[in-house]
């Protein structure tokens, strides 16, 4: 399928509405006119960057983004202000890189429309998991989030340990069997 501007080719029928009237083509695209600037000045670019930084800062205050994990790490390791000053930018850079990577994957995937539909439906239906019920208890998602976060971290730690053991060329099933024998005897 292709679109061309100009007169309708001979033998082609014009696009019609449901009541058989020819469709009138709008010559102006108001959205394109809003975002198209004749010349991008450094002041406009700076203003855009400042607005993006402010919106990014507001976005970072929303739930997630590794704040709980980093806070738990700092508390558990008795971290100092210097540690926090290092971890803050680290979380920022990794989160931003992850968002860019996810954007690239979604932009080039064939199922982009399906993925966006699923995300939209999740946002629509997530409200009932986050809301507090009328009887005063916490929502299901609020109660399950710390448990699922701990489970993900535990699985990641187990995978790292398994990888380290595999690098040492340790026969893991044989090691487990010998530990069982020691525990039972």
N, C-alpha and C. Protein backbone atom coordinates (compact mmCIF):
# COMPACT_ATOMS: atom_id res chain seq x y z
N UNK A 1 0.85 -1.16 0.00
CA UNK A 1 0.00 0.00 0.00
C UNK A 1 0.90 1.23 0.00
N UNK A 2 0.54 2.20 -0.79
CA UNK A 2 1.32 3.43 -0.82
C UNK A 2 0.39 4.62 -0.94
N UNK A 3 0.89 5.77 -0.55
CA UNK A 3 0.12 6.99 -0.61
C UNK A 3 0.91 8.01 -1.41
N UNK A 4 0.21 8.69 -2.29
CA UNK A 4 0.84 9.75 -3.06
C UNK A 4 -0.03 10.98 -2.99
N UNK A 5 0.60 12.14 -3.12
CA UNK A 5 -0.15 13.38 -3.15
C UNK A 5 -0.43 13.75 -4.59
N UNK A 6 -1.53 14.40 -4.80
CA UNK A 6 -1.84 14.86 -6.14
C UNK A 6 -3.20 14.37 -6.58
N UNK A 7 -3.37 14.37 -7.88
CA UNK A 7 -4.64 13.95 -8.46
C UNK A 7 -4.82 12.44 -8.32
N UNK A 8 -6.08 12.00 -8.30
CA UNK A 8 -6.39 10.57 -8.22
C UNK A 8 -6.03 9.95 -9.56
N UNK A 9 -5.29 8.83 -9.55
CA UNK A 9 -4.93 8.18 -10.82
C UNK A 9 -6.19 7.71 -11.56
N UNK A 10 -6.08 7.61 -12.89
CA UNK A 10 -7.24 7.17 -13.67
C UNK A 10 -7.59 5.73 -13.30
N UNK A 11 -8.84 5.44 -13.17
CA UNK A 11 -9.30 4.11 -12.82
C UNK A 11 -9.39 3.87 -11.33
N UNK A 12 -8.95 4.82 -10.52
CA UNK A 12 -9.01 4.66 -9.06
C UNK A 12 -10.20 5.44 -8.52
N UNK A 13 -10.81 4.91 -7.50
CA UNK A 13 -11.96 5.57 -6.87
C UNK A 13 -11.49 6.31 -5.63
N UNK A 14 -12.00 7.52 -5.40
CA UNK A 14 -11.60 8.26 -4.21
C UNK A 14 -12.15 7.60 -2.94
N UNK A 15 -11.49 7.81 -1.83
CA UNK A 15 -11.93 7.30 -0.54
C UNK A 15 -13.22 7.99 -0.16
N UNK A 16 -14.19 7.21 0.31
CA UNK A 16 -15.51 7.78 0.63
C UNK A 16 -15.88 7.48 2.08
N UNK A 17 -16.72 8.34 2.66
CA UNK A 17 -17.23 8.14 4.01
C UNK A 17 -18.36 7.12 3.95
N UNK A 18 -18.96 6.81 5.12
CA UNK A 18 -20.04 5.82 5.16
C UNK A 18 -21.27 6.28 4.39
N UNK A 19 -21.47 7.58 4.30
CA UNK A 19 -22.64 8.07 3.55
C UNK A 19 -22.27 8.43 2.11
N UNK A 20 -21.20 7.82 1.58
CA UNK A 20 -20.79 7.90 0.17
C UNK A 20 -20.29 9.26 -0.28
N UNK A 21 -19.92 10.13 0.63
CA UNK A 21 -19.33 11.41 0.24
C UNK A 21 -17.83 11.23 0.15
N UNK A 22 -17.16 11.90 -0.79
CA UNK A 22 -15.69 11.81 -0.86
C UNK A 22 -15.06 12.41 0.40
N UNK A 23 -14.01 11.78 0.87
CA UNK A 23 -13.32 12.24 2.07
C UNK A 23 -12.49 13.48 1.71
N UNK A 24 -12.63 14.51 2.54
CA UNK A 24 -11.84 15.72 2.32
C UNK A 24 -10.51 15.55 3.05
N UNK A 25 -9.44 15.81 2.34
CA UNK A 25 -8.11 15.67 2.92
C UNK A 25 -7.73 16.99 3.60
N UNK A 26 -7.34 16.88 4.87
CA UNK A 26 -6.90 18.08 5.59
C UNK A 26 -5.49 18.39 5.14
N UNK A 27 -5.24 19.62 4.86
CA UNK A 27 -3.91 20.04 4.41
C UNK A 27 -3.01 20.41 5.58
N UNK A 28 -3.59 20.69 6.76
CA UNK A 28 -2.80 21.11 7.91
C UNK A 28 -2.77 20.00 8.96
N UNK A 29 -1.63 19.80 9.51
CA UNK A 29 -1.48 18.88 10.63
C UNK A 29 -1.08 19.73 11.83
N UNK A 30 -2.05 19.98 12.71
CA UNK A 30 -1.81 20.91 13.81
C UNK A 30 -0.76 20.40 14.79
N UNK A 31 -0.72 19.08 15.03
CA UNK A 31 0.29 18.55 15.94
C UNK A 31 1.69 18.75 15.36
N UNK A 32 1.83 18.46 14.07
CA UNK A 32 3.14 18.68 13.44
C UNK A 32 3.54 20.15 13.48
N UNK A 33 2.57 21.03 13.35
CA UNK A 33 2.87 22.46 13.42
C UNK A 33 3.32 22.87 14.82
N UNK A 34 2.79 22.21 15.85
CA UNK A 34 3.18 22.54 17.22
C UNK A 34 4.62 22.15 17.51
N UNK A 35 5.04 20.98 17.01
CA UNK A 35 6.37 20.50 17.36
C UNK A 35 7.44 20.87 16.35
N UNK A 36 7.05 21.33 15.20
CA UNK A 36 8.03 21.72 14.18
C UNK A 36 8.41 23.18 14.41
N UNK A 37 9.69 23.42 14.54
CA UNK A 37 10.17 24.79 14.69
C UNK A 37 11.03 25.12 13.48
N UNK A 38 10.95 26.35 13.01
CA UNK A 38 11.75 26.70 11.83
C UNK A 38 13.25 26.62 12.11
N UNK A 39 13.66 27.03 13.29
CA UNK A 39 15.08 26.98 13.65
C UNK A 39 15.16 26.68 15.14
N UNK A 40 15.95 25.67 15.49
CA UNK A 40 16.12 25.30 16.89
C UNK A 40 17.26 26.12 17.48
N UNK A 41 16.91 27.00 18.40
CA UNK A 41 17.93 27.83 19.03
C UNK A 41 18.48 27.13 20.26
N UNK A 42 19.62 27.58 20.76
CA UNK A 42 20.20 26.95 21.94
C UNK A 42 19.34 27.20 23.17
N UNK A 43 18.60 28.32 23.19
CA UNK A 43 17.72 28.61 24.31
C UNK A 43 16.55 27.61 24.35
N UNK A 44 16.00 27.30 23.18
CA UNK A 44 14.91 26.33 23.10
C UNK A 44 15.40 24.95 23.51
N UNK A 45 16.58 24.56 23.04
CA UNK A 45 17.14 23.26 23.40
C UNK A 45 17.41 23.19 24.90
N UNK A 46 17.95 24.25 25.49
CA UNK A 46 18.22 24.27 26.92
C UNK A 46 16.93 24.19 27.72
N UNK A 47 15.91 24.91 27.30
CA UNK A 47 14.62 24.86 27.98
C UNK A 47 14.05 23.44 27.91
N UNK A 48 14.14 22.80 26.75
CA UNK A 48 13.66 21.43 26.61
C UNK A 48 14.41 20.47 27.51
N UNK A 49 15.73 20.62 27.60
CA UNK A 49 16.53 19.76 28.48
C UNK A 49 16.19 19.98 29.95
N UNK A 50 15.97 21.23 30.35
CA UNK A 50 15.60 21.52 31.74
C UNK A 50 14.23 20.92 32.08
N UNK A 51 13.28 21.05 31.18
CA UNK A 51 11.96 20.46 31.41
C UNK A 51 12.07 18.94 31.49
N UNK A 52 12.87 18.33 30.60
CA UNK A 52 13.05 16.88 30.63
C UNK A 52 13.71 16.44 31.93
N UNK A 53 14.68 17.21 32.44
CA UNK A 53 15.35 16.87 33.70
C UNK A 53 14.37 16.97 34.87
N UNK A 54 13.53 18.00 34.87
CA UNK A 54 12.53 18.13 35.94
C UNK A 54 11.53 16.98 35.90
N UNK A 55 11.04 16.65 34.71
CA UNK A 55 10.10 15.54 34.59
C UNK A 55 10.77 14.21 34.97
N UNK A 56 12.03 14.04 34.62
CA UNK A 56 12.76 12.84 35.00
C UNK A 56 12.93 12.74 36.51
N UNK A 57 13.19 13.87 37.16
CA UNK A 57 13.30 13.89 38.62
C UNK A 57 11.98 13.53 39.28
N UNK A 58 10.87 14.04 38.75
CA UNK A 58 9.56 13.67 39.29
C UNK A 58 9.29 12.18 39.05
N UNK A 59 9.68 11.70 37.89
CA UNK A 59 9.51 10.27 37.58
C UNK A 59 10.32 9.41 38.56
N UNK A 60 11.51 9.85 38.92
CA UNK A 60 12.36 9.08 39.83
C UNK A 60 11.77 8.98 41.22
N UNK A 61 10.89 9.91 41.59
CA UNK A 61 10.26 9.84 42.90
C UNK A 61 9.13 8.82 42.95
N UNK A 62 8.71 8.33 41.79
CA UNK A 62 7.63 7.34 41.77
C UNK A 62 8.15 6.00 42.28
N UNK A 63 7.23 5.08 42.62
CA UNK A 63 7.66 3.79 43.20
C UNK A 63 8.58 3.01 42.26
N UNK A 64 9.45 2.24 42.86
CA UNK A 64 10.38 1.42 42.09
C UNK A 64 11.70 2.12 41.90
N UNK A 65 12.32 1.91 40.77
CA UNK A 65 13.57 2.54 40.39
C UNK A 65 14.74 2.19 41.30
N UNK A 66 14.63 1.10 42.05
CA UNK A 66 15.75 0.61 42.84
C UNK A 66 15.97 1.32 44.16
N UNK A 67 15.07 2.24 44.53
CA UNK A 67 15.29 2.98 45.77
C UNK A 67 15.25 2.06 46.98
N UNK A 68 14.33 1.11 47.02
CA UNK A 68 14.21 0.21 48.17
C UNK A 68 15.43 -0.71 48.24
N UNK A 69 15.84 -1.25 47.09
CA UNK A 69 16.99 -2.15 47.08
C UNK A 69 18.25 -1.41 47.52
N UNK A 70 18.47 -0.21 47.00
CA UNK A 70 19.65 0.57 47.36
C UNK A 70 19.58 0.97 48.84
N UNK A 71 18.41 1.37 49.31
CA UNK A 71 18.26 1.73 50.72
C UNK A 71 18.53 0.54 51.62
N UNK A 72 18.00 -0.63 51.26
CA UNK A 72 18.25 -1.83 52.07
C UNK A 72 19.73 -2.19 52.06
N UNK A 73 20.37 -2.03 50.92
CA UNK A 73 21.81 -2.31 50.83
C UNK A 73 22.60 -1.36 51.73
N UNK A 74 22.25 -0.07 51.66
CA UNK A 74 22.97 0.91 52.48
C UNK A 74 22.79 0.64 53.97
N UNK A 75 21.58 0.28 54.37
CA UNK A 75 21.33 -0.01 55.78
C UNK A 75 22.06 -1.28 56.18
N UNK A 76 21.96 -2.32 55.37
CA UNK A 76 22.58 -3.61 55.69
C UNK A 76 24.09 -3.54 55.74
N UNK A 77 24.68 -2.72 54.90
CA UNK A 77 26.15 -2.64 54.87
C UNK A 77 26.67 -1.46 55.69
N UNK A 78 25.76 -0.81 56.41
CA UNK A 78 26.13 0.37 57.20
C UNK A 78 26.83 1.41 56.32
N UNK A 79 26.19 1.68 55.18
CA UNK A 79 26.77 2.60 54.21
C UNK A 79 26.80 4.03 54.71
N UNK A 80 27.72 4.79 54.16
CA UNK A 80 27.90 6.19 54.53
C UNK A 80 27.29 7.08 53.45
N UNK A 81 27.39 8.35 53.67
CA UNK A 81 26.91 9.31 52.67
C UNK A 81 27.68 9.19 51.36
N UNK A 82 28.96 8.85 51.48
CA UNK A 82 29.78 8.66 50.27
C UNK A 82 29.26 7.49 49.44
N UNK A 83 28.88 6.40 50.14
CA UNK A 83 28.32 5.25 49.43
C UNK A 83 27.02 5.64 48.72
N UNK A 84 26.19 6.38 49.42
CA UNK A 84 24.91 6.81 48.83
C UNK A 84 25.16 7.72 47.63
N UNK A 85 26.15 8.60 47.75
CA UNK A 85 26.46 9.50 46.64
C UNK A 85 26.96 8.73 45.42
N UNK A 86 27.58 7.58 45.63
CA UNK A 86 28.02 6.75 44.51
C UNK A 86 26.87 5.90 43.97
N UNK A 87 26.03 5.35 44.86
CA UNK A 87 24.96 4.47 44.43
C UNK A 87 23.84 5.21 43.70
N UNK A 88 23.58 6.46 44.08
CA UNK A 88 22.51 7.23 43.43
C UNK A 88 22.72 7.35 41.93
N UNK A 89 23.86 7.88 41.49
CA UNK A 89 24.10 7.96 40.04
C UNK A 89 24.19 6.58 39.38
N UNK A 90 24.69 5.58 40.12
CA UNK A 90 24.77 4.23 39.54
C UNK A 90 23.37 3.71 39.22
N UNK A 91 22.44 3.85 40.16
CA UNK A 91 21.06 3.41 39.93
C UNK A 91 20.44 4.23 38.79
N UNK A 92 20.73 5.52 38.77
CA UNK A 92 20.18 6.38 37.71
C UNK A 92 20.65 5.93 36.34
N UNK A 93 21.95 5.71 36.20
CA UNK A 93 22.51 5.31 34.90
C UNK A 93 21.98 3.94 34.48
N UNK A 94 21.95 2.98 35.42
CA UNK A 94 21.48 1.64 35.03
C UNK A 94 20.00 1.65 34.70
N UNK A 95 19.20 2.41 35.44
CA UNK A 95 17.77 2.50 35.14
C UNK A 95 17.56 3.13 33.76
N UNK A 96 18.27 4.21 33.50
CA UNK A 96 18.13 4.88 32.21
C UNK A 96 18.57 3.98 31.07
N UNK A 97 19.69 3.28 31.25
CA UNK A 97 20.16 2.35 30.21
C UNK A 97 19.15 1.24 30.00
N UNK A 98 18.56 0.74 31.08
CA UNK A 98 17.53 -0.30 30.94
C UNK A 98 16.31 0.20 30.20
N UNK A 99 15.91 1.43 30.47
CA UNK A 99 14.75 2.00 29.77
C UNK A 99 15.05 2.16 28.28
N UNK A 100 16.26 2.64 27.96
CA UNK A 100 16.63 2.77 26.55
C UNK A 100 16.67 1.40 25.87
N UNK A 101 17.23 0.41 26.55
CA UNK A 101 17.29 -0.94 25.97
C UNK A 101 15.89 -1.49 25.75
N UNK A 102 15.02 -1.32 26.74
CA UNK A 102 13.64 -1.78 26.59
C UNK A 102 12.95 -1.05 25.44
N UNK A 103 13.21 0.25 25.33
CA UNK A 103 12.62 1.01 24.24
C UNK A 103 13.08 0.52 22.88
N UNK A 104 14.38 0.19 22.77
CA UNK A 104 14.88 -0.34 21.50
C UNK A 104 14.27 -1.70 21.17
N UNK A 105 14.18 -2.55 22.18
CA UNK A 105 13.59 -3.87 21.95
C UNK A 105 12.14 -3.74 21.51
N UNK A 106 11.39 -2.89 22.20
CA UNK A 106 9.98 -2.73 21.84
C UNK A 106 9.81 -2.04 20.49
N UNK A 107 10.69 -1.08 20.20
CA UNK A 107 10.57 -0.35 18.95
C UNK A 107 10.80 -1.24 17.74
N UNK A 108 11.67 -2.22 17.89
CA UNK A 108 11.99 -3.08 16.76
C UNK A 108 11.30 -4.43 16.81
N UNK A 109 10.43 -4.64 17.78
CA UNK A 109 9.75 -5.93 17.85
C UNK A 109 8.48 -5.90 17.01
N UNK A 110 8.13 -7.07 16.53
CA UNK A 110 6.92 -7.18 15.70
C UNK A 110 5.67 -7.05 16.55
N UNK A 111 5.77 -7.37 17.83
CA UNK A 111 4.60 -7.34 18.69
C UNK A 111 4.44 -6.08 19.48
N UNK A 112 4.88 -4.95 18.95
CA UNK A 112 4.81 -3.69 19.69
C UNK A 112 3.37 -3.34 20.06
N UNK A 113 2.46 -3.48 19.13
CA UNK A 113 1.06 -3.14 19.42
C UNK A 113 0.50 -4.03 20.51
N UNK A 114 0.82 -5.33 20.46
CA UNK A 114 0.34 -6.25 21.48
C UNK A 114 0.94 -5.93 22.84
N UNK A 115 2.24 -5.60 22.85
CA UNK A 115 2.89 -5.27 24.13
C UNK A 115 2.29 -4.01 24.72
N UNK A 116 2.07 -3.00 23.90
CA UNK A 116 1.51 -1.76 24.41
C UNK A 116 0.07 -1.97 24.89
N UNK A 117 -0.66 -2.82 24.21
CA UNK A 117 -2.03 -3.13 24.64
C UNK A 117 -2.00 -3.82 26.00
N UNK A 118 -1.09 -4.79 26.17
CA UNK A 118 -0.97 -5.49 27.45
C UNK A 118 -0.59 -4.53 28.57
N UNK A 119 0.36 -3.64 28.31
CA UNK A 119 0.76 -2.68 29.33
C UNK A 119 -0.41 -1.77 29.68
N UNK A 120 -1.13 -1.33 28.69
CA UNK A 120 -2.30 -0.48 28.95
C UNK A 120 -3.35 -1.20 29.78
N UNK A 121 -3.62 -2.45 29.45
CA UNK A 121 -4.59 -3.23 30.23
C UNK A 121 -4.11 -3.46 31.65
N UNK A 122 -2.80 -3.69 31.81
CA UNK A 122 -2.25 -3.85 33.15
C UNK A 122 -2.45 -2.59 33.98
N UNK A 123 -2.19 -1.43 33.37
CA UNK A 123 -2.38 -0.18 34.10
C UNK A 123 -3.84 0.03 34.47
N UNK A 124 -4.74 -0.35 33.56
CA UNK A 124 -6.16 -0.17 33.83
C UNK A 124 -6.60 -1.05 35.00
N UNK A 125 -6.14 -2.30 35.00
CA UNK A 125 -6.60 -3.25 36.01
C UNK A 125 -5.72 -3.29 37.25
N UNK A 126 -4.56 -2.62 37.25
CA UNK A 126 -3.66 -2.65 38.40
C UNK A 126 -4.23 -1.88 39.58
N UNK A 127 -5.13 -0.99 39.32
CA UNK A 127 -5.68 -0.15 40.38
C UNK A 127 -6.27 -0.99 41.51
N UNK A 128 -6.97 -2.05 41.18
CA UNK A 128 -7.62 -2.84 42.23
C UNK A 128 -6.61 -3.60 43.08
N UNK A 129 -5.38 -3.84 42.57
CA UNK A 129 -4.37 -4.52 43.37
C UNK A 129 -3.64 -3.56 44.30
N UNK A 130 -3.59 -2.29 43.93
CA UNK A 130 -2.85 -1.31 44.71
C UNK A 130 -3.74 -0.60 45.73
N UNK A 131 -5.01 -0.43 45.40
CA UNK A 131 -5.92 0.28 46.29
C UNK A 131 -6.07 -0.45 47.61
N UNK A 132 -6.35 0.31 48.64
CA UNK A 132 -6.65 -0.29 49.93
C UNK A 132 -8.13 -0.69 49.94
N UNK A 133 -8.43 -1.90 50.37
CA UNK A 133 -9.84 -2.30 50.45
C UNK A 133 -10.59 -1.47 51.48
N UNK A 134 -11.92 -1.48 51.38
CA UNK A 134 -12.74 -0.67 52.27
C UNK A 134 -12.57 -1.06 53.73
N UNK A 135 -12.20 -2.31 54.02
CA UNK A 135 -12.08 -2.74 55.41
C UNK A 135 -10.74 -2.36 56.03
N UNK A 136 -9.87 -1.62 55.32
CA UNK A 136 -8.69 -1.03 55.93
C UNK A 136 -7.39 -1.76 55.73
N UNK A 137 -7.36 -2.94 55.13
CA UNK A 137 -6.11 -3.66 54.92
C UNK A 137 -5.36 -3.12 53.72
N UNK A 138 -4.12 -3.48 53.61
CA UNK A 138 -3.31 -3.06 52.46
C UNK A 138 -3.72 -3.86 51.23
N UNK A 139 -3.56 -3.30 50.05
CA UNK A 139 -3.88 -3.99 48.82
C UNK A 139 -2.95 -5.17 48.59
N UNK A 140 -3.40 -6.09 47.75
CA UNK A 140 -2.63 -7.31 47.47
C UNK A 140 -1.24 -6.99 46.94
N UNK A 141 -1.15 -6.07 46.02
CA UNK A 141 0.14 -5.73 45.42
C UNK A 141 1.08 -5.11 46.46
N UNK A 142 0.54 -4.27 47.31
CA UNK A 142 1.36 -3.63 48.34
C UNK A 142 1.92 -4.67 49.30
N UNK A 143 1.12 -5.69 49.63
CA UNK A 143 1.59 -6.75 50.54
C UNK A 143 2.57 -7.68 49.85
N UNK A 144 2.37 -7.94 48.56
CA UNK A 144 3.19 -8.92 47.84
C UNK A 144 4.51 -8.34 47.33
N UNK A 145 4.60 -7.02 47.21
CA UNK A 145 5.79 -6.42 46.61
C UNK A 145 7.08 -6.72 47.37
N UNK A 146 7.13 -6.58 48.70
CA UNK A 146 8.39 -6.90 49.38
C UNK A 146 8.77 -8.37 49.25
N UNK A 147 7.78 -9.25 49.27
CA UNK A 147 8.07 -10.68 49.15
C UNK A 147 8.61 -10.99 47.75
N UNK A 148 7.97 -10.44 46.72
CA UNK A 148 8.43 -10.71 45.35
C UNK A 148 9.80 -10.08 45.11
N UNK A 149 10.05 -8.92 45.68
CA UNK A 149 11.36 -8.28 45.55
C UNK A 149 12.43 -9.15 46.19
N UNK A 150 12.15 -9.66 47.38
CA UNK A 150 13.11 -10.54 48.06
C UNK A 150 13.33 -11.82 47.27
N UNK A 151 12.27 -12.35 46.66
CA UNK A 151 12.39 -13.56 45.86
C UNK A 151 13.28 -13.33 44.63
N UNK A 152 13.09 -12.20 43.97
CA UNK A 152 13.92 -11.89 42.80
C UNK A 152 15.38 -11.74 43.20
N UNK A 153 15.64 -11.05 44.31
CA UNK A 153 17.02 -10.87 44.77
C UNK A 153 17.63 -12.20 45.18
N UNK A 154 16.84 -13.05 45.84
CA UNK A 154 17.33 -14.37 46.23
C UNK A 154 17.67 -15.21 45.01
N UNK A 155 16.81 -15.19 44.02
CA UNK A 155 17.08 -15.96 42.79
C UNK A 155 18.32 -15.43 42.08
N UNK A 156 18.48 -14.12 42.04
CA UNK A 156 19.67 -13.54 41.41
C UNK A 156 20.93 -13.97 42.17
N UNK A 157 20.87 -13.94 43.50
CA UNK A 157 22.01 -14.38 44.31
C UNK A 157 22.31 -15.85 44.09
N UNK A 158 21.27 -16.68 44.01
CA UNK A 158 21.47 -18.11 43.77
C UNK A 158 22.11 -18.34 42.40
N UNK A 159 21.68 -17.57 41.40
CA UNK A 159 22.25 -17.72 40.06
C UNK A 159 23.73 -17.30 40.05
N UNK A 160 24.05 -16.24 40.78
CA UNK A 160 25.44 -15.79 40.86
C UNK A 160 26.29 -16.85 41.56
N UNK A 161 25.77 -17.40 42.66
CA UNK A 161 26.50 -18.46 43.38
C UNK A 161 26.69 -19.69 42.50
N UNK A 162 25.65 -20.08 41.80
CA UNK A 162 25.74 -21.25 40.93
C UNK A 162 26.79 -21.01 39.84
N UNK A 163 26.81 -19.78 39.27
CA UNK A 163 27.80 -19.45 38.25
C UNK A 163 29.22 -19.50 38.79
N UNK A 164 29.41 -19.02 40.03
CA UNK A 164 30.74 -19.04 40.65
C UNK A 164 31.18 -20.47 40.92
N UNK A 165 30.26 -21.31 41.37
CA UNK A 165 30.59 -22.71 41.63
C UNK A 165 30.91 -23.42 40.32
N UNK A 166 30.15 -23.12 39.28
CA UNK A 166 30.39 -23.75 37.97
C UNK A 166 31.74 -23.34 37.40
N UNK A 167 32.16 -22.09 37.64
CA UNK A 167 33.47 -21.63 37.16
C UNK A 167 34.61 -22.39 37.83
N UNK A 168 34.39 -22.82 39.06
CA UNK A 168 35.41 -23.57 39.78
C UNK A 168 35.40 -25.05 39.41
N UNK A 169 34.55 -25.41 38.46
CA UNK A 169 34.41 -26.78 37.95
C UNK A 169 34.10 -27.76 39.07
N UNK A 170 33.20 -27.34 39.96
CA UNK A 170 32.76 -28.20 41.04
C UNK A 170 31.55 -28.99 40.54
N UNK A 171 31.53 -30.29 40.81
CA UNK A 171 30.39 -31.13 40.44
C UNK A 171 29.32 -30.90 41.50
N UNK A 172 28.35 -30.06 41.18
CA UNK A 172 27.34 -29.64 42.17
C UNK A 172 26.50 -30.81 42.68
N UNK A 173 25.99 -31.71 41.83
CA UNK A 173 25.21 -32.83 42.37
C UNK A 173 26.04 -33.70 43.33
N UNK A 174 27.31 -33.93 43.02
CA UNK A 174 28.17 -34.73 43.88
C UNK A 174 28.42 -34.00 45.21
N UNK A 175 28.59 -32.68 45.16
CA UNK A 175 28.79 -31.89 46.37
C UNK A 175 27.56 -31.97 47.28
N UNK A 176 26.36 -31.84 46.69
CA UNK A 176 25.12 -31.91 47.47
C UNK A 176 24.97 -33.29 48.09
N UNK A 177 25.28 -34.34 47.33
CA UNK A 177 25.17 -35.71 47.86
C UNK A 177 26.14 -35.91 49.03
N UNK A 178 27.36 -35.41 48.92
CA UNK A 178 28.32 -35.58 50.02
C UNK A 178 27.90 -34.78 51.25
N UNK A 179 27.30 -33.60 51.04
CA UNK A 179 26.81 -32.82 52.18
C UNK A 179 25.65 -33.54 52.88
N UNK A 180 24.77 -34.17 52.09
CA UNK A 180 23.68 -34.93 52.68
C UNK A 180 24.21 -36.09 53.53
N UNK A 181 25.22 -36.79 53.01
CA UNK A 181 25.80 -37.90 53.76
C UNK A 181 26.39 -37.40 55.09
N UNK A 182 27.05 -36.27 55.07
CA UNK A 182 27.64 -35.73 56.29
C UNK A 182 26.57 -35.32 57.29
N UNK A 183 25.48 -34.77 56.79
CA UNK A 183 24.42 -34.31 57.69
C UNK A 183 23.66 -35.47 58.32
N UNK A 184 23.49 -36.55 57.58
CA UNK A 184 22.73 -37.68 58.10
C UNK A 184 23.56 -38.58 58.99
N UNK A 185 24.88 -38.56 58.86
CA UNK A 185 25.69 -39.46 59.68
C UNK A 185 26.21 -38.79 60.92
